[in-house]
């Protein structure tokens, strides 16, 4: 998996998510075990500074993890009663990746299933973040990525707003609200 980066007249541009968690060191251990993440950069997590900020990479795709810091407006899903984002991890074998994540402590939200041109499932990590794990089964994006019909005449998105992969099933989970 490559990190999507584009050089512009202003230099390198990329967007990398940062997950706020309670228990940053435990989160680093979980992401290593569950997804094979490697720590690229880390500040803290020592006896002198327990709070962790770290960049991780899964096969070259980077994301950040940090201990929540309410004083800076960074709250974990545990503090706000759920997450406001989902991570999408694209892998060759979604079922195996979901099984590995569950063995490391994730909870299955739903198993990988074929829908909307994807093999896609979802897990919740021990820190409250949802990870959709999947792979496209058809060339992606289908049709014109910005608008117009896709396979079988289905619309693929609004003009100027490319579609993302399907976000999976809807419905409430006890104690968590909607996924």
N, C-alpha and C. Protein backbone atom coordinates (compact mmCIF):
# COMPACT_ATOMS: atom_id res chain seq x y z
N UNK A 1 0.83 -1.17 0.00
CA UNK A 1 0.00 0.00 0.00
C UNK A 1 0.88 1.23 0.00
N UNK A 2 0.67 2.13 -0.89
CA UNK A 2 1.46 3.34 -0.95
C UNK A 2 0.69 4.50 -0.35
N UNK A 3 1.42 5.41 0.25
CA UNK A 3 0.82 6.63 0.76
C UNK A 3 0.56 7.52 -0.44
N UNK A 4 -0.63 8.08 -0.51
CA UNK A 4 -0.96 8.96 -1.62
C UNK A 4 -0.34 10.32 -1.34
N UNK A 5 0.57 10.72 -2.18
CA UNK A 5 1.23 12.00 -2.03
C UNK A 5 1.30 12.65 -3.41
N UNK A 6 1.19 13.95 -3.44
CA UNK A 6 1.22 14.66 -4.71
C UNK A 6 2.08 15.90 -4.54
N UNK A 7 2.99 16.09 -5.44
CA UNK A 7 3.80 17.30 -5.42
C UNK A 7 3.04 18.40 -6.16
N UNK A 8 2.98 19.54 -5.54
CA UNK A 8 2.36 20.70 -6.17
C UNK A 8 3.39 21.82 -6.17
N UNK A 9 3.00 22.97 -6.66
CA UNK A 9 3.89 24.12 -6.63
C UNK A 9 4.28 24.51 -5.22
N UNK A 10 3.53 24.05 -4.25
CA UNK A 10 3.82 24.38 -2.85
C UNK A 10 4.57 23.28 -2.13
N UNK A 11 4.96 22.23 -2.80
CA UNK A 11 5.67 21.15 -2.13
C UNK A 11 4.82 19.90 -2.02
N UNK A 12 5.19 19.04 -1.11
CA UNK A 12 4.51 17.76 -0.92
C UNK A 12 3.20 17.96 -0.17
N UNK A 13 2.12 17.38 -0.69
CA UNK A 13 0.82 17.46 -0.04
C UNK A 13 0.35 16.05 0.26
N UNK A 14 -0.08 15.81 1.48
CA UNK A 14 -0.68 14.53 1.85
C UNK A 14 -1.61 14.77 3.02
N UNK A 15 -2.55 13.87 3.21
CA UNK A 15 -3.47 13.94 4.33
C UNK A 15 -3.28 12.66 5.14
N UNK A 16 -2.95 12.81 6.42
CA UNK A 16 -2.72 11.66 7.29
C UNK A 16 -3.61 11.79 8.51
N UNK A 17 -4.41 10.79 8.80
CA UNK A 17 -5.27 10.86 9.98
C UNK A 17 -4.45 10.70 11.26
N UNK A 18 -4.97 11.28 12.34
CA UNK A 18 -4.40 11.07 13.66
C UNK A 18 -5.50 10.57 14.56
N UNK A 19 -5.29 9.41 15.16
CA UNK A 19 -6.27 8.81 16.07
C UNK A 19 -5.92 9.19 17.49
N UNK A 20 -6.86 9.78 18.20
CA UNK A 20 -6.68 10.08 19.61
C UNK A 20 -7.16 8.89 20.41
N UNK A 21 -6.35 8.47 21.39
CA UNK A 21 -6.64 7.28 22.19
C UNK A 21 -6.35 7.54 23.65
N UNK A 22 -6.90 6.71 24.50
CA UNK A 22 -6.45 6.61 25.89
C UNK A 22 -5.49 5.43 25.93
N UNK A 23 -4.32 5.63 26.45
CA UNK A 23 -3.36 4.53 26.53
C UNK A 23 -2.55 4.40 25.26
N UNK A 24 -1.77 5.41 24.93
CA UNK A 24 -1.02 5.44 23.68
C UNK A 24 -0.07 4.27 23.49
N UNK A 25 0.66 3.88 24.53
CA UNK A 25 1.59 2.76 24.38
C UNK A 25 0.86 1.47 24.07
N UNK A 26 -0.27 1.25 24.73
CA UNK A 26 -1.08 0.05 24.45
C UNK A 26 -1.61 0.11 23.01
N UNK A 27 -1.96 1.30 22.54
CA UNK A 27 -2.44 1.44 21.16
C UNK A 27 -1.34 1.09 20.17
N UNK A 28 -0.12 1.54 20.41
CA UNK A 28 0.98 1.19 19.51
C UNK A 28 1.16 -0.32 19.45
N UNK A 29 1.10 -0.97 20.61
CA UNK A 29 1.22 -2.43 20.64
C UNK A 29 0.09 -3.10 19.87
N UNK A 30 -1.15 -2.60 20.05
CA UNK A 30 -2.29 -3.18 19.35
C UNK A 30 -2.13 -3.03 17.84
N UNK A 31 -1.81 -1.84 17.35
CA UNK A 31 -1.71 -1.62 15.90
C UNK A 31 -0.57 -2.43 15.29
N UNK A 32 0.48 -2.66 16.05
CA UNK A 32 1.55 -3.55 15.57
C UNK A 32 1.01 -4.97 15.40
N UNK A 33 0.35 -5.46 16.44
CA UNK A 33 -0.15 -6.85 16.43
C UNK A 33 -1.30 -7.03 15.45
N UNK A 34 -2.23 -6.08 15.42
CA UNK A 34 -3.45 -6.23 14.62
C UNK A 34 -3.22 -6.02 13.14
N UNK A 35 -2.42 -5.03 12.78
CA UNK A 35 -2.29 -4.63 11.39
C UNK A 35 -0.86 -4.67 10.86
N UNK A 36 0.08 -5.10 11.69
CA UNK A 36 1.48 -5.14 11.27
C UNK A 36 2.08 -3.75 11.14
N UNK A 37 1.55 -2.77 11.87
CA UNK A 37 2.05 -1.40 11.80
C UNK A 37 3.47 -1.32 12.35
N UNK A 38 4.24 -0.43 11.78
CA UNK A 38 5.58 -0.13 12.25
C UNK A 38 5.60 1.31 12.75
N UNK A 39 6.29 1.54 13.86
CA UNK A 39 6.44 2.89 14.37
C UNK A 39 7.54 3.58 13.56
N UNK A 40 7.16 4.69 12.92
CA UNK A 40 8.08 5.46 12.10
C UNK A 40 8.75 6.54 12.95
N UNK A 41 7.98 7.12 13.86
CA UNK A 41 8.46 8.23 14.68
C UNK A 41 7.66 8.20 15.96
N UNK A 42 8.31 8.48 17.09
CA UNK A 42 7.61 8.47 18.37
C UNK A 42 8.20 9.50 19.31
N UNK A 43 7.31 10.23 19.97
CA UNK A 43 7.68 11.14 21.05
C UNK A 43 6.93 10.66 22.27
N UNK A 44 7.62 10.59 23.40
CA UNK A 44 6.98 10.20 24.64
C UNK A 44 6.91 8.70 24.81
N UNK A 45 6.10 8.30 25.79
CA UNK A 45 6.00 6.88 26.10
C UNK A 45 7.15 6.42 26.97
N UNK A 46 7.69 7.37 27.73
CA UNK A 46 8.80 7.06 28.64
C UNK A 46 8.38 7.35 30.07
N UNK A 47 9.23 6.97 31.02
CA UNK A 47 8.93 7.25 32.43
C UNK A 47 8.82 8.75 32.68
N UNK A 48 9.59 9.55 31.92
CA UNK A 48 9.56 11.00 32.08
C UNK A 48 8.38 11.65 31.36
N UNK A 49 7.87 10.99 30.33
CA UNK A 49 6.79 11.54 29.52
C UNK A 49 5.91 10.39 29.04
N UNK A 50 4.85 10.08 29.80
CA UNK A 50 3.99 8.94 29.46
C UNK A 50 3.16 9.16 28.20
N UNK A 51 2.80 10.40 27.91
CA UNK A 51 1.95 10.71 26.76
C UNK A 51 2.70 10.41 25.47
N UNK A 52 2.01 9.74 24.53
CA UNK A 52 2.62 9.30 23.28
C UNK A 52 2.03 10.06 22.09
N UNK A 53 2.90 10.45 21.18
CA UNK A 53 2.52 10.90 19.84
C UNK A 53 3.42 10.11 18.90
N UNK A 54 2.83 9.38 17.95
CA UNK A 54 3.65 8.53 17.08
C UNK A 54 3.06 8.47 15.69
N UNK A 55 3.96 8.39 14.72
CA UNK A 55 3.56 8.10 13.35
C UNK A 55 3.77 6.61 13.13
N UNK A 56 2.76 5.95 12.60
CA UNK A 56 2.85 4.54 12.27
C UNK A 56 2.63 4.36 10.78
N UNK A 57 3.06 3.21 10.26
CA UNK A 57 2.84 2.91 8.85
C UNK A 57 2.47 1.44 8.71
N UNK A 58 1.47 1.19 7.87
CA UNK A 58 1.07 -0.16 7.50
C UNK A 58 1.42 -0.31 6.03
N UNK A 59 2.43 -1.08 5.74
CA UNK A 59 2.91 -1.24 4.35
C UNK A 59 3.09 0.10 3.65
N UNK A 60 3.62 1.09 4.35
CA UNK A 60 3.90 2.39 3.76
C UNK A 60 2.78 3.41 3.88
N UNK A 61 1.59 3.00 4.29
CA UNK A 61 0.47 3.93 4.48
C UNK A 61 0.52 4.46 5.91
N UNK A 62 0.75 5.77 6.05
CA UNK A 62 0.99 6.36 7.36
C UNK A 62 -0.28 6.88 8.02
N UNK A 63 -0.25 6.84 9.36
CA UNK A 63 -1.25 7.49 10.19
C UNK A 63 -0.58 7.79 11.52
N UNK A 64 -1.20 8.65 12.30
CA UNK A 64 -0.65 9.06 13.59
C UNK A 64 -1.56 8.58 14.71
N UNK A 65 -0.96 8.34 15.85
CA UNK A 65 -1.68 7.97 17.08
C UNK A 65 -1.16 8.87 18.19
N UNK A 66 -2.07 9.39 18.99
CA UNK A 66 -1.66 10.25 20.10
C UNK A 66 -2.58 10.01 21.29
N UNK A 67 -1.99 10.09 22.48
CA UNK A 67 -2.83 10.08 23.67
C UNK A 67 -3.73 11.30 23.62
N UNK A 68 -4.98 11.10 24.04
CA UNK A 68 -5.90 12.23 24.02
C UNK A 68 -5.37 13.35 24.91
N UNK A 69 -5.68 14.56 24.53
CA UNK A 69 -5.30 15.73 25.33
C UNK A 69 -6.44 16.74 25.26
N UNK A 70 -7.42 16.56 26.16
CA UNK A 70 -8.59 17.44 26.13
C UNK A 70 -8.23 18.93 26.17
N UNK A 71 -7.12 19.26 26.83
CA UNK A 71 -6.72 20.66 26.90
C UNK A 71 -6.36 21.24 25.53
N UNK A 72 -6.09 20.35 24.55
CA UNK A 72 -5.79 20.77 23.18
C UNK A 72 -6.92 20.42 22.21
N UNK A 73 -8.06 19.98 22.73
CA UNK A 73 -9.20 19.64 21.89
C UNK A 73 -9.11 18.28 21.23
N UNK A 74 -8.24 17.41 21.71
CA UNK A 74 -8.10 16.05 21.17
C UNK A 74 -8.72 15.06 22.13
N UNK A 75 -9.83 14.46 21.72
CA UNK A 75 -10.57 13.54 22.58
C UNK A 75 -10.60 12.15 21.95
N UNK A 76 -10.50 11.13 22.77
CA UNK A 76 -10.61 9.76 22.29
C UNK A 76 -12.08 9.39 22.14
N UNK A 77 -12.38 8.35 21.37
CA UNK A 77 -13.77 7.88 21.28
C UNK A 77 -14.35 7.53 22.65
N UNK A 78 -13.52 7.08 23.57
CA UNK A 78 -14.02 6.76 24.91
C UNK A 78 -14.54 8.00 25.63
N UNK A 79 -13.96 9.16 25.35
CA UNK A 79 -14.39 10.40 26.00
C UNK A 79 -15.64 10.98 25.39
N UNK A 80 -15.84 10.77 24.08
CA UNK A 80 -16.98 11.39 23.41
C UNK A 80 -18.10 10.41 23.11
N UNK A 81 -17.94 9.14 23.52
CA UNK A 81 -19.00 8.16 23.32
C UNK A 81 -19.06 7.57 21.92
N UNK A 82 -17.97 7.58 21.21
CA UNK A 82 -17.90 7.02 19.86
C UNK A 82 -16.94 7.82 19.02
N UNK A 83 -16.62 7.31 17.85
CA UNK A 83 -15.66 7.96 16.98
C UNK A 83 -16.38 8.76 15.91
N UNK A 84 -15.76 9.82 15.47
CA UNK A 84 -16.35 10.63 14.40
C UNK A 84 -15.77 10.27 13.03
N UNK A 85 -14.85 9.32 13.00
CA UNK A 85 -14.24 8.90 11.74
C UNK A 85 -14.16 7.38 11.68
N UNK A 86 -13.93 6.89 10.47
CA UNK A 86 -13.61 5.48 10.27
C UNK A 86 -12.33 5.43 9.47
N UNK A 87 -11.55 4.42 9.73
CA UNK A 87 -10.36 4.18 8.92
C UNK A 87 -10.74 3.12 7.89
N UNK A 88 -10.20 3.24 6.69
CA UNK A 88 -10.39 2.22 5.66
C UNK A 88 -9.02 1.65 5.36
N UNK A 89 -8.85 0.38 5.65
CA UNK A 89 -7.60 -0.33 5.40
C UNK A 89 -7.83 -1.25 4.22
N UNK A 90 -7.12 -1.00 3.12
CA UNK A 90 -7.26 -1.80 1.92
C UNK A 90 -6.11 -2.81 1.90
N UNK A 91 -6.48 -4.09 1.87
CA UNK A 91 -5.51 -5.18 1.92
C UNK A 91 -5.89 -6.24 0.90
N UNK A 92 -4.96 -7.14 0.62
CA UNK A 92 -5.22 -8.22 -0.33
C UNK A 92 -6.19 -9.25 0.22
N UNK A 93 -6.15 -9.52 1.53
CA UNK A 93 -6.99 -10.55 2.14
C UNK A 93 -7.74 -9.98 3.35
N UNK A 94 -8.88 -9.31 3.11
CA UNK A 94 -9.62 -8.69 4.21
C UNK A 94 -10.02 -9.66 5.32
N UNK A 95 -10.42 -10.87 4.96
CA UNK A 95 -10.84 -11.82 6.00
C UNK A 95 -9.68 -12.15 6.94
N UNK A 96 -8.50 -12.37 6.38
CA UNK A 96 -7.33 -12.67 7.21
C UNK A 96 -6.95 -11.46 8.07
N UNK A 97 -7.04 -10.26 7.51
CA UNK A 97 -6.71 -9.06 8.27
C UNK A 97 -7.69 -8.84 9.41
N UNK A 98 -8.97 -9.11 9.18
CA UNK A 98 -9.97 -8.99 10.24
C UNK A 98 -9.71 -10.02 11.32
N UNK A 99 -9.39 -11.25 10.93
CA UNK A 99 -9.09 -12.30 11.91
C UNK A 99 -7.88 -11.92 12.76
N UNK A 100 -6.85 -11.37 12.13
CA UNK A 100 -5.65 -10.95 12.86
C UNK A 100 -5.99 -9.84 13.84
N UNK A 101 -6.79 -8.87 13.41
CA UNK A 101 -7.18 -7.77 14.30
C UNK A 101 -7.99 -8.30 15.48
N UNK A 102 -8.89 -9.23 15.23
CA UNK A 102 -9.70 -9.80 16.32
C UNK A 102 -8.81 -10.59 17.28
N UNK A 103 -7.83 -11.31 16.76
CA UNK A 103 -6.91 -12.05 17.63
C UNK A 103 -6.11 -11.10 18.52
N UNK A 104 -5.89 -9.87 18.04
CA UNK A 104 -5.14 -8.88 18.81
C UNK A 104 -6.03 -8.09 19.77
N UNK A 105 -7.36 -8.30 19.70
CA UNK A 105 -8.25 -7.64 20.65
C UNK A 105 -9.34 -6.78 20.06
N UNK A 106 -9.44 -6.69 18.73
CA UNK A 106 -10.52 -5.93 18.11
C UNK A 106 -11.83 -6.71 18.22
N UNK A 107 -12.94 -6.00 18.11
CA UNK A 107 -14.27 -6.60 18.12
C UNK A 107 -14.85 -6.50 16.71
N UNK A 108 -15.35 -7.60 16.20
CA UNK A 108 -15.94 -7.58 14.86
C UNK A 108 -17.28 -6.85 14.91
N UNK A 109 -17.42 -5.86 14.06
CA UNK A 109 -18.69 -5.16 13.90
C UNK A 109 -19.53 -5.93 12.89
N UNK A 110 -18.91 -6.31 11.76
CA UNK A 110 -19.53 -7.23 10.82
C UNK A 110 -18.43 -7.91 10.00
N UNK A 111 -18.67 -9.14 9.57
CA UNK A 111 -17.64 -9.87 8.82
C UNK A 111 -17.52 -9.35 7.40
N UNK A 112 -16.42 -9.68 6.77
CA UNK A 112 -16.22 -9.29 5.37
C UNK A 112 -17.27 -9.96 4.50
N UNK A 113 -17.88 -9.17 3.65
CA UNK A 113 -18.90 -9.66 2.73
C UNK A 113 -18.79 -8.88 1.43
N UNK A 114 -19.25 -9.47 0.36
CA UNK A 114 -19.23 -8.81 -0.94
C UNK A 114 -20.44 -7.90 -1.05
N UNK A 115 -20.17 -6.62 -1.30
CA UNK A 115 -21.25 -5.68 -1.54
C UNK A 115 -20.71 -4.45 -2.26
N UNK A 116 -21.47 -3.94 -3.19
CA UNK A 116 -21.15 -2.72 -3.92
C UNK A 116 -19.77 -2.77 -4.57
N UNK A 117 -19.35 -3.94 -5.04
CA UNK A 117 -18.08 -4.06 -5.71
C UNK A 117 -16.88 -4.19 -4.79
N UNK A 118 -17.13 -4.41 -3.50
CA UNK A 118 -16.06 -4.55 -2.51
C UNK A 118 -16.25 -5.82 -1.71
N UNK A 119 -15.15 -6.35 -1.18
CA UNK A 119 -15.18 -7.32 -0.09
C UNK A 119 -14.79 -6.50 1.12
N UNK A 120 -15.73 -6.29 2.05
CA UNK A 120 -15.56 -5.31 3.10
C UNK A 120 -16.15 -5.80 4.41
N UNK A 121 -15.40 -5.65 5.49
CA UNK A 121 -15.87 -5.93 6.84
C UNK A 121 -15.43 -4.80 7.75
N UNK A 122 -15.83 -4.88 9.02
CA UNK A 122 -15.47 -3.81 9.95
C UNK A 122 -15.18 -4.37 11.33
N UNK A 123 -14.13 -3.80 11.96
CA UNK A 123 -13.80 -4.09 13.35
C UNK A 123 -13.73 -2.79 14.12
N UNK A 124 -13.92 -2.91 15.43
CA UNK A 124 -13.70 -1.79 16.34
C UNK A 124 -12.47 -2.13 17.16
N UNK A 125 -11.50 -1.23 17.17
CA UNK A 125 -10.30 -1.50 17.95
C UNK A 125 -10.57 -1.24 19.44
N UNK A 126 -9.68 -1.69 20.32
CA UNK A 126 -9.92 -1.53 21.76
C UNK A 126 -9.99 -0.08 22.22
N UNK A 127 -9.69 0.86 21.35
CA UNK A 127 -9.68 2.27 21.71
C UNK A 127 -10.88 3.02 21.15
N UNK A 128 -11.82 2.26 20.52
CA UNK A 128 -13.07 2.83 20.05
C UNK A 128 -13.09 3.26 18.59
N UNK A 129 -11.99 3.08 17.87
CA UNK A 129 -11.95 3.47 16.46
C UNK A 129 -12.43 2.32 15.58
N UNK A 130 -13.22 2.65 14.56
CA UNK A 130 -13.73 1.66 13.61
C UNK A 130 -12.80 1.60 12.40
N UNK A 131 -12.51 0.37 12.00
CA UNK A 131 -11.66 0.11 10.84
C UNK A 131 -12.47 -0.72 9.85
N UNK A 132 -12.75 -0.17 8.68
CA UNK A 132 -13.29 -0.98 7.60
C UNK A 132 -12.10 -1.59 6.90
N UNK A 133 -12.14 -2.89 6.71
CA UNK A 133 -11.04 -3.63 6.12
C UNK A 133 -11.58 -4.29 4.86
N UNK A 134 -10.98 -4.00 3.73
CA UNK A 134 -11.54 -4.56 2.51
C UNK A 134 -10.63 -4.39 1.32
N UNK A 135 -11.22 -4.74 0.16
CA UNK A 135 -10.55 -4.55 -1.11
C UNK A 135 -11.62 -4.42 -2.18
N UNK A 136 -11.34 -3.60 -3.19
CA UNK A 136 -12.30 -3.52 -4.29
C UNK A 136 -12.23 -4.79 -5.13
N UNK A 137 -13.39 -5.23 -5.59
CA UNK A 137 -13.47 -6.43 -6.43
C UNK A 137 -13.60 -6.08 -7.90
N UNK A 138 -13.77 -4.79 -8.17
CA UNK A 138 -13.88 -4.28 -9.53
C UNK A 138 -12.88 -3.14 -9.66
N UNK A 139 -12.53 -2.74 -10.87
CA UNK A 139 -11.64 -1.57 -10.98
C UNK A 139 -12.25 -0.39 -10.23
N UNK A 140 -11.44 0.27 -9.39
CA UNK A 140 -11.96 1.35 -8.55
C UNK A 140 -11.19 2.61 -8.84
N UNK A 141 -11.87 3.74 -8.94
CA UNK A 141 -13.31 3.91 -8.84
C UNK A 141 -14.01 3.47 -10.12
N UNK A 142 -15.25 3.01 -9.98
CA UNK A 142 -15.99 2.58 -11.17
C UNK A 142 -16.44 3.79 -11.99
N UNK A 143 -16.43 3.66 -13.29
CA UNK A 143 -16.92 4.75 -14.14
C UNK A 143 -16.12 6.01 -13.92
N UNK A 144 -16.75 7.15 -14.14
CA UNK A 144 -16.14 8.45 -13.93
C UNK A 144 -16.09 8.70 -12.43
N UNK A 145 -14.92 8.96 -11.90
CA UNK A 145 -14.74 9.12 -10.46
C UNK A 145 -15.43 10.37 -9.91
N UNK A 146 -15.78 11.31 -10.75
CA UNK A 146 -16.37 12.54 -10.25
C UNK A 146 -17.89 12.58 -10.36
N UNK A 147 -18.44 11.97 -11.37
CA UNK A 147 -19.89 11.97 -11.53
C UNK A 147 -20.28 11.04 -12.65
N UNK A 148 -21.54 10.84 -12.80
CA UNK A 148 -22.03 10.02 -13.90
C UNK A 148 -22.23 8.58 -13.51
N UNK A 149 -22.71 7.80 -14.45
CA UNK A 149 -23.07 6.43 -14.14
C UNK A 149 -21.84 5.55 -13.99
N UNK A 150 -21.95 4.61 -13.09
CA UNK A 150 -20.94 3.59 -12.91
C UNK A 150 -21.46 2.30 -13.49
N UNK A 151 -21.04 1.17 -12.93
CA UNK A 151 -21.54 -0.12 -13.42
C UNK A 151 -23.05 -0.19 -13.34
N UNK A 152 -23.66 -0.77 -14.30
CA UNK A 152 -25.11 -0.98 -14.34
C UNK A 152 -25.89 0.32 -14.20
N UNK A 153 -25.30 1.46 -14.64
CA UNK A 153 -26.01 2.72 -14.63
C UNK A 153 -26.14 3.37 -13.27
N UNK A 154 -25.44 2.86 -12.24
CA UNK A 154 -25.54 3.45 -10.91
C UNK A 154 -24.73 4.74 -10.88
N UNK A 155 -25.26 5.76 -10.22
CA UNK A 155 -24.51 7.00 -10.05
C UNK A 155 -23.32 6.74 -9.14
N UNK A 156 -22.19 7.38 -9.45
CA UNK A 156 -20.99 7.15 -8.64
C UNK A 156 -20.69 8.30 -7.71
N UNK A 157 -21.38 9.40 -7.81
CA UNK A 157 -21.10 10.50 -6.90
C UNK A 157 -21.64 11.80 -7.44
N UNK A 158 -21.43 12.86 -6.68
CA UNK A 158 -21.85 14.19 -7.09
C UNK A 158 -20.70 14.84 -7.85
N UNK A 159 -21.04 15.73 -8.76
CA UNK A 159 -20.00 16.46 -9.49
C UNK A 159 -19.09 17.14 -8.50
N UNK A 160 -17.78 16.98 -8.69
CA UNK A 160 -16.80 17.62 -7.82
C UNK A 160 -16.59 16.89 -6.51
N UNK A 161 -17.30 15.80 -6.27
CA UNK A 161 -17.17 15.07 -5.02
C UNK A 161 -17.03 13.59 -5.32
N UNK A 162 -15.80 13.09 -5.48
CA UNK A 162 -15.64 11.69 -5.83
C UNK A 162 -16.17 10.79 -4.74
N UNK A 163 -16.74 9.66 -5.13
CA UNK A 163 -17.28 8.76 -4.13
C UNK A 163 -16.16 8.04 -3.41
N UNK A 164 -16.44 7.60 -2.22
CA UNK A 164 -15.52 6.71 -1.52
C UNK A 164 -16.07 5.32 -1.62
N UNK A 165 -15.40 4.37 -1.00
CA UNK A 165 -15.94 3.02 -0.99
C UNK A 165 -17.21 2.99 -0.15
N UNK A 166 -18.00 1.96 -0.28
CA UNK A 166 -19.20 1.87 0.54
C UNK A 166 -18.81 1.86 2.00
N UNK A 167 -19.65 2.43 2.84
CA UNK A 167 -19.31 2.51 4.26
C UNK A 167 -19.91 1.37 5.05
N UNK A 168 -20.40 0.38 4.39
CA UNK A 168 -20.88 -0.80 5.10
C UNK A 168 -22.29 -0.65 5.62
N UNK A 169 -22.62 -1.56 6.48
CA UNK A 169 -23.98 -1.64 7.00
C UNK A 169 -24.26 -0.52 7.98
N UNK A 170 -25.54 -0.22 8.14
CA UNK A 170 -25.94 0.78 9.11
C UNK A 170 -26.71 0.09 10.21
N UNK A 171 -26.98 0.83 11.25
CA UNK A 171 -27.75 0.27 12.35
C UNK A 171 -27.04 0.51 13.65
N UNK A 172 -27.79 0.53 14.73
CA UNK A 172 -27.22 0.83 16.04
C UNK A 172 -26.58 -0.40 16.65
N UNK A 173 -25.51 -0.14 17.38
CA UNK A 173 -24.88 -1.18 18.20
C UNK A 173 -25.17 -0.81 19.64
N UNK A 174 -25.53 -1.76 20.44
CA UNK A 174 -25.83 -1.44 21.84
C UNK A 174 -24.67 -0.69 22.48
N UNK A 175 -25.01 0.44 23.12
CA UNK A 175 -24.03 1.20 23.86
C UNK A 175 -23.10 2.05 23.01
N UNK A 176 -23.26 2.05 21.70
CA UNK A 176 -22.35 2.80 20.85
C UNK A 176 -23.06 3.77 19.91
N UNK A 177 -24.38 3.73 19.81
CA UNK A 177 -25.06 4.57 18.82
C UNK A 177 -24.92 3.95 17.45
N UNK A 178 -24.89 4.77 16.42
CA UNK A 178 -24.76 4.25 15.07
C UNK A 178 -23.30 4.10 14.70
N UNK A 179 -22.95 3.06 13.92
CA UNK A 179 -21.54 2.86 13.56
C UNK A 179 -21.08 3.86 12.53
